[in-house]
Amino acid sequence: MNKHQKTKLEAILESLPKDERDRLYDQARKQRSDAQKRRGAKARETYDGERVGRGKRRPDPLHDWVLRLVDKEYAHKRVDEGQGQQELTQGLVVGLTRRRATVLLDGQTEPMLARLSADMAGRQQSAIAVGDRVSITELDLPGEEEQHEVVNVLPRTSKLARP
């Protein structure tokens, strides 16, 4: 999570009512505790009678766990609300490279290069595939090669499978 994403998630967290924040902190506390228990069990594994993972590792701060929950539960809603004022165009993904997608917009014959949103680039291998329909928006960044960004992947109408 980069600094910009963290700031955005903290703003969303601050805008939530107190009881909702308390619920998120309780849920994050429980998930963090479970993760520490799993980590401890793995540390006791041995190879040829020697212990592995003897060093103590500092646990992730609780605030980071809360921000992950906010990202999972609320960030997409805020993004959808924010994107409502911008015009979204739909197209078909015809190529994928690192952090970029080649998209053929509806009604056009030439594909165009669009960058993937930060969230989508983080989970690129599972979130997007060639043949997916996507929504893209135009960026207002002067001097950038990519003037468009893939915002979300539309629901798939077919099943991805190997023969």
Foldseek 3Di string as FASTA:
>chain_A
DDPVLLVVLVVVLVPDDPVVNVVLLVVLVVVQVVVVVVVVVVQQDDDPPDTHDPDDDDGDDSVVSSSVVSCVPPPVVVVVVVCVVFDKFKFFFADDDQQKTFTDTPPDDHTDIAGEPPVCNVVVVPFDDGGWMFIKTAADDPPDRHRIYTDHTDDDPDDDDDD
